[in-house]
N, C-alpha and C. Protein backbone atom coordinates (compact mmCIF):
# COMPACT_ATOMS: atom_id res chain seq x y z
N MET A 1 -18.77 -39.64 36.19
CA MET A 1 -20.16 -39.79 35.29
C MET A 1 -19.53 -41.56 34.66
N ASN A 2 -20.69 -42.33 34.67
CA ASN A 2 -20.40 -43.88 34.06
C ASN A 2 -20.56 -44.14 33.27
N ALA A 3 -19.17 -44.22 32.50
CA ALA A 3 -19.18 -44.51 30.58
C ALA A 3 -19.75 -45.22 30.35
N ASP A 4 -20.25 -46.62 31.10
CA ASP A 4 -21.46 -47.57 30.90
C ASP A 4 -22.61 -46.98 30.50
N LYS A 5 -23.23 -45.86 31.21
CA LYS A 5 -24.74 -45.95 31.25
C LYS A 5 -24.74 -44.40 30.57
N THR A 6 -23.77 -43.63 29.71
CA THR A 6 -24.12 -42.51 29.72
C THR A 6 -23.81 -42.36 27.88
N ASN A 7 -24.86 -41.68 27.48
CA ASN A 7 -24.89 -41.33 26.10
C ASN A 7 -23.71 -40.42 25.41
N TYR A 8 -22.46 -40.19 25.18
CA TYR A 8 -21.94 -39.21 24.90
C TYR A 8 -22.45 -38.60 24.04
N ASP A 9 -23.00 -39.14 22.54
CA ASP A 9 -23.56 -38.60 21.64
C ASP A 9 -24.68 -37.51 22.15
N LEU A 10 -25.74 -37.89 22.91
CA LEU A 10 -26.56 -36.59 23.43
C LEU A 10 -25.80 -35.84 24.16
N LEU A 11 -24.94 -36.17 25.30
CA LEU A 11 -24.03 -34.91 25.84
C LEU A 11 -23.26 -34.21 25.03
N TYR A 12 -22.71 -34.66 23.80
CA TYR A 12 -21.89 -33.42 22.87
C TYR A 12 -22.49 -33.42 21.36
N ASN A 13 -23.34 -33.96 21.56
CA ASN A 13 -23.72 -33.58 19.90
C ASN A 13 -25.37 -33.10 19.86
N PRO A 14 -24.98 -31.54 19.20
CA PRO A 14 -26.51 -30.36 20.00
C PRO A 14 -27.30 -30.84 18.64
N ARG A 15 -26.90 -31.38 17.77
CA ARG A 15 -28.01 -31.52 16.62
C ARG A 15 -29.06 -32.97 16.82
N LEU A 16 -28.87 -33.64 18.04
CA LEU A 16 -29.59 -34.78 18.54
C LEU A 16 -30.42 -34.27 19.85
N VAL A 17 -30.36 -33.11 20.32
CA VAL A 17 -31.08 -33.07 21.50
C VAL A 17 -31.66 -31.40 21.12
N VAL A 18 -31.46 -30.60 20.14
CA VAL A 18 -31.91 -28.98 20.32
C VAL A 18 -32.58 -29.00 19.02
N LYS A 19 -33.73 -28.89 18.89
CA LYS A 19 -34.77 -28.98 18.06
C LYS A 19 -34.24 -28.02 16.49
N ASN A 20 -34.12 -26.58 17.04
CA ASN A 20 -33.64 -25.90 16.10
C ASN A 20 -32.67 -25.54 15.70
N TYR A 21 -31.78 -26.39 15.78
CA TYR A 21 -30.04 -26.33 15.88
C TYR A 21 -29.70 -25.81 14.50
N GLN A 22 -30.30 -26.34 13.23
CA GLN A 22 -29.78 -25.35 11.97
C GLN A 22 -29.86 -24.11 12.16
N GLU A 23 -31.36 -23.40 12.40
CA GLU A 23 -31.41 -22.22 12.29
C GLU A 23 -30.22 -21.53 13.53
N ILE A 24 -29.78 -22.09 14.59
CA ILE A 24 -28.60 -21.40 15.55
C ILE A 24 -27.63 -21.60 14.60
N PHE A 25 -27.14 -22.51 13.84
CA PHE A 25 -25.87 -22.65 13.46
C PHE A 25 -26.08 -21.45 11.86
N ASP A 26 -26.72 -21.38 11.29
CA ASP A 26 -27.36 -20.37 10.13
C ASP A 26 -26.85 -19.13 10.83
N ARG A 27 -27.66 -18.96 11.82
CA ARG A 27 -27.43 -17.77 12.48
C ARG A 27 -25.94 -17.25 12.79
N TRP A 28 -25.14 -18.08 13.76
CA TRP A 28 -23.81 -17.91 14.38
C TRP A 28 -22.94 -17.41 12.69
N GLY A 29 -23.24 -18.44 11.37
CA GLY A 29 -22.42 -18.19 10.16
C GLY A 29 -22.65 -16.73 9.79
N GLU A 30 -23.90 -16.33 9.58
CA GLU A 30 -24.41 -15.04 9.32
C GLU A 30 -23.46 -13.64 10.23
N GLN A 31 -23.68 -14.25 11.74
CA GLN A 31 -22.99 -13.16 12.71
C GLN A 31 -21.79 -13.18 12.10
N SER A 32 -20.62 -14.07 12.04
CA SER A 32 -19.52 -14.44 11.88
C SER A 32 -19.42 -13.50 10.45
N GLU A 33 -20.19 -13.75 9.27
CA GLU A 33 -19.40 -13.02 8.16
C GLU A 33 -19.66 -11.76 8.45
N ARG A 34 -20.67 -10.94 9.11
CA ARG A 34 -21.00 -9.75 9.59
C ARG A 34 -19.69 -9.12 10.18
N ALA A 35 -18.99 -10.15 11.19
CA ALA A 35 -17.77 -9.29 12.25
C ALA A 35 -16.78 -9.72 11.27
N ARG A 36 -16.54 -10.21 10.55
CA ARG A 36 -15.05 -10.39 9.42
C ARG A 36 -15.34 -9.30 8.66
N ALA A 37 -16.55 -8.81 8.23
CA ALA A 37 -16.53 -7.66 7.02
C ALA A 37 -16.37 -6.65 7.89
N SER A 38 -16.89 -6.26 9.13
CA SER A 38 -17.26 -5.25 9.69
C SER A 38 -15.87 -4.36 10.94
N LEU A 39 -15.26 -5.49 11.37
CA LEU A 39 -14.35 -5.43 12.29
C LEU A 39 -12.71 -5.70 11.56
N ASP A 40 -11.51 -4.90 12.37
CA ASP A 40 -10.34 -5.01 12.05
C ASP A 40 -10.07 -6.28 12.54
N CYS A 41 -9.62 -7.47 11.27
CA CYS A 41 -9.45 -8.49 11.67
C CYS A 41 -8.25 -9.52 10.60
N TYR A 42 -7.73 -10.47 11.22
CA TYR A 42 -6.44 -11.04 10.24
C TYR A 42 -6.68 -12.59 10.46
N LEU A 43 -6.91 -12.84 9.52
CA LEU A 43 -7.59 -14.12 9.27
C LEU A 43 -6.71 -15.42 8.91
N ASP A 44 -6.65 -16.74 9.41
CA ASP A 44 -6.02 -17.35 9.18
C ASP A 44 -4.63 -17.13 9.88
N VAL A 45 -4.18 -16.38 10.99
CA VAL A 45 -2.96 -16.15 11.25
C VAL A 45 -2.01 -17.57 11.84
N PRO A 46 -1.09 -18.21 11.33
CA PRO A 46 -0.45 -19.39 11.54
C PRO A 46 0.08 -19.22 13.00
N TYR A 47 -0.09 -20.06 14.13
CA TYR A 47 0.45 -20.33 15.41
C TYR A 47 1.34 -21.77 15.68
N GLY A 48 1.44 -22.15 14.53
CA GLY A 48 2.41 -23.65 14.56
C GLY A 48 2.28 -24.30 13.17
N PRO A 49 3.09 -25.27 12.86
CA PRO A 49 3.70 -26.03 11.51
C PRO A 49 2.47 -26.16 10.85
N SER A 50 1.43 -26.69 11.14
CA SER A 50 0.72 -27.57 10.64
C SER A 50 -0.49 -26.93 10.27
N GLU A 51 -1.17 -27.48 8.96
CA GLU A 51 -2.23 -26.31 8.12
C GLU A 51 -3.66 -25.82 9.10
N ALA A 52 -3.83 -27.00 10.14
CA ALA A 52 -4.80 -26.53 10.89
C ALA A 52 -4.58 -26.10 12.37
N GLU A 53 -3.49 -25.57 12.61
CA GLU A 53 -2.63 -24.55 13.72
C GLU A 53 -2.90 -22.93 12.81
N LYS A 54 -4.12 -22.59 12.67
CA LYS A 54 -4.37 -21.24 12.65
C LYS A 54 -5.65 -20.44 13.34
N MET A 55 -5.49 -19.01 13.63
CA MET A 55 -5.90 -18.56 14.23
C MET A 55 -6.80 -17.38 13.65
N ASP A 56 -7.93 -17.11 13.97
CA ASP A 56 -8.58 -15.35 13.46
C ASP A 56 -8.41 -14.18 14.87
N VAL A 57 -7.78 -13.14 14.17
CA VAL A 57 -7.45 -12.18 15.25
C VAL A 57 -7.96 -10.92 14.98
N PHE A 58 -8.81 -10.63 16.03
CA PHE A 58 -9.79 -9.24 15.99
C PHE A 58 -9.46 -8.42 16.73
N ARG A 59 -9.23 -7.38 16.46
CA ARG A 59 -8.50 -6.40 17.34
C ARG A 59 -9.59 -5.84 17.76
N ALA A 60 -9.07 -5.23 19.36
CA ALA A 60 -10.15 -4.12 20.31
C ALA A 60 -10.29 -3.39 19.28
N GLN A 61 -11.66 -2.53 19.66
CA GLN A 61 -11.83 -1.59 18.79
C GLN A 61 -11.18 -0.26 19.65
N GLU A 62 -11.35 -0.24 20.89
CA GLU A 62 -10.58 0.94 21.74
C GLU A 62 -9.30 0.19 22.57
N ARG A 63 -8.87 1.03 22.58
CA ARG A 63 -7.62 0.84 23.62
C ARG A 63 -7.94 -0.03 25.01
N ALA A 64 -7.37 -1.03 25.41
CA ALA A 64 -7.65 -1.56 26.81
C ALA A 64 -7.34 -0.84 27.85
N ALA A 65 -8.18 -0.62 28.87
CA ALA A 65 -7.87 -0.06 30.45
C ALA A 65 -7.18 0.00 30.68
N GLY A 66 -6.27 0.52 31.37
CA GLY A 66 -5.17 0.00 32.05
C GLY A 66 -3.48 0.08 31.34
N PHE A 67 -3.97 0.31 30.14
CA PHE A 67 -2.19 0.38 29.12
C PHE A 67 -2.22 1.51 28.81
């Protein structure tokens, strides 16, 4: 890729190229809320020393095959 001729904002910022991006982002937020409310999960589990190093863990609903 030629950096001089590439507009990285268009490549990596969906708000610039996806017409209904806000509807999609809103749907993702709603689906995330439902998942957190209905699934067995641990939120903001630290994996490092900084405040930014946290993750959400969602446990499998069934025992994994092979275990």
